[in-house]
Each structure stands twice: as structure tokens, then as C-alpha cells.
């Protein structure tokens, strides 16, 4: 069986990688739909990565957990680009708060910080 020309394969993988970046599919779901292995996807993504690495900005931000000095059972989460940044965002979570509420609050903070672009 003849092998597919390199330019055709490269074009296929560029399109598939771009499709992943613009979709909400996981790599596994995308590869299953395209009929390719996830291992091949990772190999081609690495092979086609531009020199100098990935230029996309991560939506992750450093999180610093501050110990509660008052002993009130409260958790304080501090979001800042650097540990000493004065524009840090502090979220104080009372003891016993449920996980869903914490997720909603942190998601809202991250969306506001990103200028309205959802990051969670």
C-alpha cells in the first residue's frame, strides 16, 4: 500500500490540531472521530509546534493559600501574578462552604480577572 505524501499528512495534521484548538472536544474524542491514535496526535503536535514553543497564554494563575491566623475555620485564597503583587484578589471562604459554591465564586473571579473571557 503506497504511503501518503508527507505534505498531505502534514496538512491533515495541521487541520486536525487547529480543529482541536477551536473545539471543546478532548484530544481522545477528536482522535476517535478522525480515526487516528492519540499518540499520533501528540507526536504530530510536537513535530509541528513552531520554534520557540507554544505562544498561547495560559489561563492558569498562581494561587497562594494563606493560613487562617484568626482560627475561625476560614480559608483565604489569594490570586496574584506574583506573590508580592499588590493587586492580588483575596477570596475568604467560610468553614463549611460547599464545593459547588466555592467553584462558582472562583470561576466568577477568574472570569472578571480575564476581562470577561471564561477560563473555567
N, C-alpha and C. Protein backbone atom coordinates (compact mmCIF):
# COMPACT_ATOMS: atom_id res chain seq x y z
N UNK A 1 0.85 -1.18 0.00
CA UNK A 1 0.00 0.00 0.00
C UNK A 1 0.90 1.25 0.00
N UNK A 2 0.68 2.18 -0.94
CA UNK A 2 1.53 3.36 -1.02
C UNK A 2 1.33 4.28 0.18
N UNK A 3 2.39 4.90 0.58
CA UNK A 3 2.35 5.82 1.71
C UNK A 3 1.83 7.19 1.25
N UNK A 4 1.08 7.85 2.11
CA UNK A 4 0.55 9.18 1.80
C UNK A 4 1.71 10.17 1.73
N UNK A 5 1.74 11.04 0.72
CA UNK A 5 2.82 12.03 0.64
C UNK A 5 2.91 12.87 1.92
N UNK A 6 4.12 13.24 2.27
CA UNK A 6 4.37 13.98 3.52
C UNK A 6 3.57 15.27 3.61
N UNK A 7 3.47 16.02 2.50
CA UNK A 7 2.73 17.29 2.55
C UNK A 7 1.26 17.07 2.84
N UNK A 8 0.68 15.99 2.30
CA UNK A 8 -0.72 15.68 2.59
C UNK A 8 -0.91 15.33 4.06
N UNK A 9 0.01 14.52 4.60
CA UNK A 9 -0.09 14.15 6.02
C UNK A 9 0.08 15.38 6.90
N UNK A 10 1.05 16.21 6.56
CA UNK A 10 1.28 17.42 7.36
C UNK A 10 0.06 18.33 7.32
N UNK A 11 -0.53 18.48 6.16
CA UNK A 11 -1.73 19.31 6.02
C UNK A 11 -2.88 18.73 6.86
N UNK A 12 -3.05 17.40 6.79
CA UNK A 12 -4.10 16.75 7.58
C UNK A 12 -3.92 17.04 9.06
N UNK A 13 -2.67 16.87 9.57
CA UNK A 13 -2.42 17.05 10.99
C UNK A 13 -2.54 18.51 11.41
N UNK A 14 -2.10 19.43 10.56
CA UNK A 14 -2.27 20.86 10.89
C UNK A 14 -3.76 21.20 11.06
N UNK A 15 -4.57 20.69 10.14
CA UNK A 15 -6.01 20.95 10.22
C UNK A 15 -6.63 20.31 11.45
N UNK A 16 -6.21 19.08 11.77
CA UNK A 16 -6.76 18.39 12.94
C UNK A 16 -6.36 19.10 14.23
N UNK A 17 -5.11 19.54 14.31
CA UNK A 17 -4.64 20.27 15.51
C UNK A 17 -5.39 21.59 15.64
N UNK A 18 -5.59 22.29 14.53
CA UNK A 18 -6.34 23.55 14.56
C UNK A 18 -7.79 23.29 14.98
N UNK A 19 -8.36 22.19 14.49
CA UNK A 19 -9.74 21.83 14.87
C UNK A 19 -9.83 21.59 16.37
N UNK A 20 -8.83 20.92 16.94
CA UNK A 20 -8.84 20.69 18.39
C UNK A 20 -8.80 22.01 19.15
N UNK A 21 -7.95 22.94 18.70
CA UNK A 21 -7.80 24.21 19.40
C UNK A 21 -9.07 25.06 19.35
N UNK A 22 -9.88 24.86 18.31
CA UNK A 22 -11.10 25.66 18.19
C UNK A 22 -12.35 24.92 18.67
N UNK A 23 -12.19 23.68 19.10
CA UNK A 23 -13.35 22.92 19.55
C UNK A 23 -13.30 22.71 21.06
N UNK A 24 -14.35 22.15 21.58
CA UNK A 24 -14.39 21.83 23.01
C UNK A 24 -14.20 20.33 23.22
N UNK A 25 -13.76 19.64 22.17
CA UNK A 25 -13.55 18.20 22.26
C UNK A 25 -12.24 17.90 22.97
N UNK A 26 -12.20 16.78 23.68
CA UNK A 26 -10.94 16.33 24.23
C UNK A 26 -10.12 15.75 23.09
N UNK A 27 -8.83 15.59 23.31
CA UNK A 27 -7.98 15.00 22.28
C UNK A 27 -8.46 13.59 21.96
N UNK A 28 -8.84 12.84 22.98
CA UNK A 28 -9.34 11.48 22.76
C UNK A 28 -10.59 11.46 21.89
N UNK A 29 -11.54 12.35 22.16
CA UNK A 29 -12.77 12.41 21.37
C UNK A 29 -12.47 12.80 19.92
N UNK A 30 -11.61 13.81 19.76
CA UNK A 30 -11.26 14.27 18.42
C UNK A 30 -10.58 13.16 17.63
N UNK A 31 -9.62 12.48 18.25
CA UNK A 31 -8.89 11.41 17.57
C UNK A 31 -9.81 10.25 17.21
N UNK A 32 -10.74 9.94 18.09
CA UNK A 32 -11.69 8.86 17.79
C UNK A 32 -12.54 9.24 16.58
N UNK A 33 -13.02 10.48 16.53
CA UNK A 33 -13.81 10.93 15.39
C UNK A 33 -13.01 10.90 14.10
N UNK A 34 -11.71 11.26 14.19
CA UNK A 34 -10.87 11.34 12.99
C UNK A 34 -10.29 9.98 12.61
N UNK A 35 -10.41 9.00 13.51
CA UNK A 35 -9.88 7.67 13.23
C UNK A 35 -8.37 7.57 13.32
N UNK A 36 -7.79 8.35 14.24
CA UNK A 36 -6.34 8.31 14.45
C UNK A 36 -6.06 8.06 15.93
N UNK A 37 -4.83 7.67 16.23
CA UNK A 37 -4.48 7.41 17.62
C UNK A 37 -4.10 8.71 18.32
N UNK A 38 -4.32 8.73 19.63
CA UNK A 38 -3.93 9.92 20.40
C UNK A 38 -2.42 10.07 20.41
N UNK A 39 -1.70 8.94 20.39
CA UNK A 39 -0.23 9.00 20.36
C UNK A 39 0.24 9.73 19.10
N UNK A 40 -0.40 9.43 17.96
CA UNK A 40 -0.04 10.11 16.71
C UNK A 40 -0.34 11.60 16.81
N UNK A 41 -1.46 11.93 17.43
CA UNK A 41 -1.82 13.34 17.60
C UNK A 41 -0.72 14.07 18.35
N UNK A 42 -0.28 13.52 19.49
CA UNK A 42 0.76 14.17 20.30
C UNK A 42 2.07 14.28 19.53
N UNK A 43 2.43 13.24 18.79
CA UNK A 43 3.68 13.27 18.02
C UNK A 43 3.63 14.38 16.97
N UNK A 44 2.52 14.45 16.22
CA UNK A 44 2.39 15.47 15.18
C UNK A 44 2.29 16.86 15.78
N UNK A 45 1.60 17.02 16.89
CA UNK A 45 1.50 18.34 17.51
C UNK A 45 2.88 18.83 17.92
N UNK A 46 3.69 17.94 18.48
CA UNK A 46 5.06 18.29 18.87
C UNK A 46 5.90 18.61 17.64
N UNK A 47 5.75 17.81 16.60
CA UNK A 47 6.52 17.98 15.37
C UNK A 47 6.20 19.30 14.69
N UNK A 48 4.94 19.72 14.72
CA UNK A 48 4.51 20.92 14.01
C UNK A 48 4.53 22.18 14.88
N UNK A 49 4.91 22.03 16.14
CA UNK A 49 4.96 23.19 17.04
C UNK A 49 5.99 24.19 16.50
N UNK A 50 5.63 25.47 16.45
CA UNK A 50 6.58 26.46 15.93
C UNK A 50 7.82 26.56 16.81
N UNK A 51 8.96 26.93 16.23
CA UNK A 51 10.17 27.10 17.04
C UNK A 51 9.91 28.15 18.13
N UNK A 52 10.43 27.90 19.28
CA UNK A 52 10.21 28.82 20.40
C UNK A 52 9.04 28.40 21.26
N UNK A 53 8.37 27.31 20.90
CA UNK A 53 7.31 26.76 21.74
C UNK A 53 5.96 27.37 21.49
N UNK A 54 5.08 27.06 22.39
CA UNK A 54 3.69 27.49 22.31
C UNK A 54 3.59 28.94 22.76
N UNK A 55 2.97 29.78 21.94
CA UNK A 55 2.86 31.20 22.28
C UNK A 55 1.52 31.56 22.92
N UNK A 56 0.63 30.57 23.08
CA UNK A 56 -0.65 30.87 23.73
C UNK A 56 -0.43 31.18 25.20
N UNK A 57 -1.22 32.10 25.72
CA UNK A 57 -1.12 32.45 27.13
C UNK A 57 -2.00 31.50 27.94
N UNK A 58 -1.44 30.98 28.99
CA UNK A 58 -2.18 30.06 29.84
C UNK A 58 -3.25 30.81 30.62
N UNK A 59 -4.38 30.13 30.84
CA UNK A 59 -5.43 30.74 31.65
C UNK A 59 -5.24 30.43 33.13
N UNK A 60 -4.19 29.67 33.44
CA UNK A 60 -3.91 29.35 34.84
C UNK A 60 -3.23 30.52 35.52
N UNK A 61 -3.57 30.72 36.75
CA UNK A 61 -2.92 31.77 37.54
C UNK A 61 -2.39 31.14 38.82
N UNK A 62 -1.31 31.69 39.35
CA UNK A 62 -0.80 31.15 40.61
C UNK A 62 -1.81 31.38 41.74
N UNK A 63 -1.93 30.41 42.60
CA UNK A 63 -2.82 30.52 43.75
C UNK A 63 -1.98 30.34 45.01
N UNK A 64 -2.15 31.25 45.94
CA UNK A 64 -1.42 31.20 47.20
C UNK A 64 -2.45 31.03 48.31
N UNK A 65 -2.36 29.96 49.08
CA UNK A 65 -3.30 29.71 50.17
C UNK A 65 -2.67 30.26 51.44
N UNK A 66 -3.41 31.15 52.08
CA UNK A 66 -2.93 31.82 53.28
C UNK A 66 -3.54 31.14 54.50
N UNK A 67 -2.70 30.80 55.47
CA UNK A 67 -3.20 30.18 56.70
C UNK A 67 -4.06 31.16 57.47
N UNK A 68 -5.13 30.65 58.05
CA UNK A 68 -6.04 31.48 58.83
C UNK A 68 -5.40 31.78 60.18
N UNK A 69 -5.10 33.04 60.41
CA UNK A 69 -4.44 33.45 61.65
C UNK A 69 -5.43 33.64 62.79
N UNK A 70 -6.72 33.76 62.46
CA UNK A 70 -7.72 34.03 63.49
C UNK A 70 -8.30 32.77 64.09
N UNK A 71 -8.09 31.62 63.43
CA UNK A 71 -8.62 30.37 63.95
C UNK A 71 -10.11 30.22 63.77
N UNK A 72 -10.71 30.96 62.85
CA UNK A 72 -12.15 30.92 62.65
C UNK A 72 -12.61 29.87 61.65
N UNK A 73 -11.72 29.02 61.19
CA UNK A 73 -12.12 28.00 60.25
C UNK A 73 -12.39 28.54 58.86
N UNK A 74 -11.74 29.63 58.50
CA UNK A 74 -11.95 30.27 57.21
C UNK A 74 -10.76 29.99 56.31
N UNK A 75 -11.01 29.80 55.01
CA UNK A 75 -9.95 29.59 54.03
C UNK A 75 -9.83 30.86 53.22
N UNK A 76 -8.61 31.35 53.03
CA UNK A 76 -8.38 32.53 52.20
C UNK A 76 -7.58 32.10 50.98
N UNK A 77 -8.08 32.41 49.80
CA UNK A 77 -7.38 32.12 48.55
C UNK A 77 -6.96 33.44 47.96
N UNK A 78 -5.69 33.57 47.63
CA UNK A 78 -5.16 34.81 47.08
C UNK A 78 -4.68 34.55 45.65
N UNK A 79 -5.24 35.30 44.68
CA UNK A 79 -4.87 35.16 43.27
C UNK A 79 -4.02 36.36 42.89
N UNK A 80 -2.80 36.09 42.42
CA UNK A 80 -1.90 37.16 42.00
C UNK A 80 -0.95 36.62 40.96
N UNK A 81 -0.46 37.50 40.09
CA UNK A 81 0.53 37.09 39.09
C UNK A 81 1.86 36.77 39.77
N UNK A 82 2.16 37.49 40.83
CA UNK A 82 3.39 37.26 41.59
C UNK A 82 3.02 37.31 43.07
N UNK A 83 3.73 36.56 43.90
CA UNK A 83 3.37 36.50 45.33
C UNK A 83 3.33 37.85 46.03
N UNK A 84 4.09 38.83 45.55
CA UNK A 84 4.13 40.13 46.23
C UNK A 84 3.29 41.19 45.53
N UNK A 85 2.52 40.82 44.54
CA UNK A 85 1.73 41.78 43.77
C UNK A 85 0.66 42.43 44.64
N UNK A 86 0.57 43.74 44.53
CA UNK A 86 -0.39 44.47 45.37
C UNK A 86 -1.82 44.38 44.84
N UNK A 87 -2.00 43.94 43.59
CA UNK A 87 -3.35 43.85 43.03
C UNK A 87 -3.93 42.45 43.18
N UNK A 88 -3.48 41.72 44.18
CA UNK A 88 -3.97 40.37 44.41
C UNK A 88 -5.46 40.40 44.73
N UNK A 89 -6.13 39.34 44.36
CA UNK A 89 -7.55 39.19 44.68
C UNK A 89 -7.65 38.17 45.81
N UNK A 90 -8.31 38.54 46.89
CA UNK A 90 -8.47 37.64 48.03
C UNK A 90 -9.92 37.19 48.11
N UNK A 91 -10.08 35.89 48.29
CA UNK A 91 -11.41 35.31 48.46
C UNK A 91 -11.40 34.58 49.79
N UNK A 92 -12.25 34.99 50.72
CA UNK A 92 -12.35 34.34 52.02
C UNK A 92 -13.55 33.41 52.01
N UNK A 93 -13.30 32.15 52.31
CA UNK A 93 -14.35 31.13 52.25
C UNK A 93 -14.62 30.63 53.66
N UNK A 94 -15.85 30.79 54.12
CA UNK A 94 -16.16 30.36 55.49
C UNK A 94 -16.12 28.84 55.61
N UNK A 95 -15.84 28.39 56.79
CA UNK A 95 -15.83 26.96 57.09
C UNK A 95 -17.19 26.36 56.76
N UNK A 96 -17.20 25.19 56.15
CA UNK A 96 -18.44 24.51 55.86
C UNK A 96 -19.06 24.87 54.52
N UNK A 97 -18.41 25.75 53.77
CA UNK A 97 -18.94 26.14 52.46
C UNK A 97 -18.84 24.95 51.51
N UNK A 98 -19.88 24.72 50.70
CA UNK A 98 -19.88 23.56 49.81
C UNK A 98 -19.00 23.81 48.58
N UNK A 99 -18.53 22.72 47.98
CA UNK A 99 -17.60 22.78 46.84
C UNK A 99 -18.19 23.52 45.65
N UNK A 100 -19.46 23.30 45.35
CA UNK A 100 -20.09 23.96 44.20
C UNK A 100 -20.07 25.48 44.35
N UNK A 101 -20.32 25.96 45.55
CA UNK A 101 -20.30 27.41 45.79
C UNK A 101 -18.89 27.97 45.63
N UNK A 102 -17.91 27.24 46.14
CA UNK A 102 -16.51 27.68 46.01
C UNK A 102 -16.13 27.75 44.53
N UNK A 103 -16.51 26.73 43.76
CA UNK A 103 -16.21 26.72 42.32
C UNK A 103 -16.84 27.92 41.62
N UNK A 104 -18.11 28.22 41.93
CA UNK A 104 -18.80 29.34 41.30
C UNK A 104 -18.10 30.66 41.61
N UNK A 105 -17.71 30.84 42.86
CA UNK A 105 -17.05 32.09 43.26
C UNK A 105 -15.70 32.22 42.56
N UNK A 106 -14.89 31.17 42.59
CA UNK A 106 -13.57 31.24 41.97
C UNK A 106 -13.68 31.42 40.46
N UNK A 107 -14.64 30.76 39.84
CA UNK A 107 -14.86 30.92 38.40
C UNK A 107 -15.23 32.37 38.08
N UNK A 108 -16.12 32.95 38.87
CA UNK A 108 -16.53 34.35 38.65
C UNK A 108 -15.34 35.28 38.80
N UNK A 109 -14.49 35.04 39.78
CA UNK A 109 -13.30 35.86 39.99
C UNK A 109 -12.37 35.75 38.79
N UNK A 110 -12.14 34.52 38.32
CA UNK A 110 -11.24 34.32 37.18
C UNK A 110 -11.80 34.94 35.90
N UNK A 111 -13.11 34.87 35.71
CA UNK A 111 -13.73 35.47 34.53
C UNK A 111 -13.58 36.99 34.59
N UNK A 112 -13.83 37.57 35.75
CA UNK A 112 -13.69 39.02 35.91
C UNK A 112 -12.24 39.44 35.68
N UNK A 113 -11.32 38.67 36.18
CA UNK A 113 -9.89 38.98 36.05
C UNK A 113 -9.44 38.88 34.60
N UNK A 114 -10.04 37.95 33.84
CA UNK A 114 -9.66 37.75 32.44
C UNK A 114 -10.40 38.71 31.52
N UNK A 115 -11.12 39.66 32.07
CA UNK A 115 -11.83 40.63 31.25
C UNK A 115 -13.09 40.07 30.62
N UNK A 116 -13.73 39.12 31.31
CA UNK A 116 -14.99 38.57 30.82
C UNK A 116 -14.83 37.31 29.98
N UNK A 117 -13.58 36.86 29.76
CA UNK A 117 -13.36 35.63 29.00
C UNK A 117 -13.38 34.47 29.96
N UNK A 118 -14.29 33.49 29.80
CA UNK A 118 -14.34 32.36 30.71
C UNK A 118 -13.05 31.57 30.67
N UNK A 119 -12.54 31.20 31.84
CA UNK A 119 -11.32 30.40 31.90
C UNK A 119 -11.54 29.15 32.73
N UNK A 120 -12.77 28.91 33.14
CA UNK A 120 -13.04 27.70 33.92
C UNK A 120 -14.34 27.07 33.47
